[in-house]
């Protein structure tokens, strides 16, 4: 749990550009790396675990960016 709290703090202090870069990197990872047959483990459960972890990071970054933009408009 401590890792997620630390991640949230870093996300809040990151610039918009850093968050956009993170979103792009994670989205590309989900699209390319996890579908690549050279992925380090072909074990289905591990791949799904990594996919879930990456999706959680992606959603958190998108939510932080959306929150910032709504605060600016708001």
C-alpha atoms as a PDB file:
ATOM      1  CA  UNK A   1       0.000   0.000   0.000  1.00  0.00           C
ATOM      2  CA  UNK A   2       2.879   2.323   0.756  1.00  0.00           C
ATOM      3  CA  UNK A   3       4.091   2.091  -2.830  1.00  0.00           C
ATOM      4  CA  UNK A   4       0.730   3.323  -4.148  1.00  0.00           C
ATOM      5  CA  UNK A   5       0.691   6.212  -1.701  1.00  0.00           C
ATOM      6  CA  UNK A   6       4.186   7.221  -2.813  1.00  0.00           C
ATOM      7  CA  UNK A   7       3.156   6.866  -6.463  1.00  0.00           C
ATOM      8  CA  UNK A   8       0.154   9.136  -5.837  1.00  0.00           C
ATOM      9  CA  UNK A   9       2.352  11.774  -4.237  1.00  0.00           C
ATOM     10  CA  UNK A  10       4.790  11.698  -7.139  1.00  0.00           C
ATOM     11  CA  UNK A  11       1.935  11.883  -9.602  1.00  0.00           C
ATOM     12  CA  UNK A  12       0.501  14.949  -7.877  1.00  0.00           C
ATOM     13  CA  UNK A  13       3.830  16.753  -8.022  1.00  0.00           C
ATOM     14  CA  UNK A  14       4.591  15.781 -11.639  1.00  0.00           C
ATOM     15  CA  UNK A  15       4.157  18.299 -14.435  1.00  0.00           C
ATOM     16  CA  UNK A  16       1.459  17.869 -17.055  1.00  0.00           C
ATOM     17  CA  UNK A  17       4.159  16.964 -19.553  1.00  0.00           C
ATOM     18  CA  UNK A  18       5.518  14.243 -17.275  1.00  0.00           C
ATOM     19  CA  UNK A  19       2.034  12.813 -16.792  1.00  0.00           C
ATOM     20  CA  UNK A  20       1.369  12.848 -20.535  1.00  0.00           C
ATOM     21  CA  UNK A  21       4.671  11.087 -21.106  1.00  0.00           C
ATOM     22  CA  UNK A  22       3.762   8.455 -18.507  1.00  0.00           C
ATOM     23  CA  UNK A  23       0.346   7.937 -20.128  1.00  0.00           C
ATOM     24  CA  UNK A  24       1.949   7.518 -23.553  1.00  0.00           C
ATOM     25  CA  UNK A  25       4.576   5.115 -22.255  1.00  0.00           C
ATOM     26  CA  UNK A  26       2.124   2.921 -20.382  1.00  0.00           C
ATOM     27  CA  UNK A  27      -0.339   2.887 -23.284  1.00  0.00           C
ATOM     28  CA  UNK A  28       2.440   1.832 -25.660  1.00  0.00           C
ATOM     29  CA  UNK A  29       3.611  -0.823 -23.201  1.00  0.00           C
ATOM     30  CA  UNK A  30       0.092  -2.241 -22.995  1.00  0.00           C
ATOM     31  CA  UNK A  31      -0.275  -2.232 -26.764  1.00  0.00           C
ATOM     32  CA  UNK A  32       3.141  -3.525 -27.802  1.00  0.00           C
ATOM     33  CA  UNK A  33       5.087  -5.179 -25.014  1.00  0.00           C
ATOM     34  CA  UNK A  34       2.319  -7.222 -23.415  1.00  0.00           C
ATOM     35  CA  UNK A  35       1.224  -8.551 -26.782  1.00  0.00           C
ATOM     36  CA  UNK A  36       4.752  -9.393 -27.869  1.00  0.00           C
ATOM     37  CA  UNK A  37       5.612 -13.063 -27.876  1.00  0.00           C
ATOM     38  CA  UNK A  38       9.008 -12.233 -26.378  1.00  0.00           C
ATOM     39  CA  UNK A  39       7.375 -11.000 -23.164  1.00  0.00           C
ATOM     40  CA  UNK A  40       9.548 -12.403 -20.341  1.00  0.00           C
ATOM     41  CA  UNK A  41       6.876 -14.779 -19.110  1.00  0.00           C
ATOM     42  CA  UNK A  42       4.277 -16.500 -21.198  1.00  0.00           C
ATOM     43  CA  UNK A  43       2.425 -17.526 -18.064  1.00  0.00           C
ATOM     44  CA  UNK A  44      -1.095 -16.120 -18.492  1.00  0.00           C
ATOM     45  CA  UNK A  45      -1.599 -15.087 -14.863  1.00  0.00           C
ATOM     46  CA  UNK A  46       1.650 -13.090 -14.776  1.00  0.00           C
ATOM     47  CA  UNK A  47       0.830 -11.326 -18.019  1.00  0.00           C
ATOM     48  CA  UNK A  48      -2.637 -10.445 -16.706  1.00  0.00           C
ATOM     49  CA  UNK A  49      -1.143  -9.239 -13.415  1.00  0.00           C
ATOM     50  CA  UNK A  50       1.218  -6.911 -15.289  1.00  0.00           C
ATOM     51  CA  UNK A  51      -1.636  -5.757 -17.545  1.00  0.00           C
ATOM     52  CA  UNK A  52      -3.765  -4.926 -14.496  1.00  0.00           C
ATOM     53  CA  UNK A  53      -0.905  -3.065 -12.838  1.00  0.00           C
ATOM     54  CA  UNK A  54      -0.229  -1.039 -15.985  1.00  0.00           C
ATOM     55  CA  UNK A  55      -3.922  -0.240 -16.421  1.00  0.00           C
ATOM     56  CA  UNK A  56      -4.107   0.988 -12.820  1.00  0.00           C
ATOM     57  CA  UNK A  57      -1.161   3.309 -13.426  1.00  0.00           C
ATOM     58  CA  UNK A  58      -2.727   4.524 -16.669  1.00  0.00           C
ATOM     59  CA  UNK A  59      -6.084   5.269 -15.020  1.00  0.00           C
ATOM     60  CA  UNK A  60      -4.436   7.075 -12.094  1.00  0.00           C
ATOM     61  CA  UNK A  61      -2.396   9.283 -14.439  1.00  0.00           C
ATOM     62  CA  UNK A  62      -5.433  10.052 -16.590  1.00  0.00           C
ATOM     63  CA  UNK A  63      -7.511  10.891 -13.505  1.00  0.00           C
ATOM     64  CA  UNK A  64      -4.827  13.244 -12.158  1.00  0.00           C
ATOM     65  CA  UNK A  65      -4.604  15.053 -15.483  1.00  0.00           C
ATOM     66  CA  UNK A  66      -8.407  15.318 -15.757  1.00  0.00           C
ATOM     67  CA  UNK A  67      -8.604  16.662 -12.190  1.00  0.00           C
ATOM     68  CA  UNK A  68      -6.063  19.354 -12.971  1.00  0.00           C
ATOM     69  CA  UNK A  69      -7.898  20.461 -16.080  1.00  0.00           C
ATOM     70  CA  UNK A  70     -11.270  20.591 -14.329  1.00  0.00           C
ATOM     71  CA  UNK A  71      -9.724  22.674 -11.524  1.00  0.00           C
ATOM     72  CA  UNK A  72      -8.302  25.098 -14.085  1.00  0.00           C
ATOM     73  CA  UNK A  73     -11.671  25.445 -15.791  1.00  0.00           C
ATOM     74  CA  UNK A  74     -13.560  25.522 -12.649  1.00  0.00           C
END
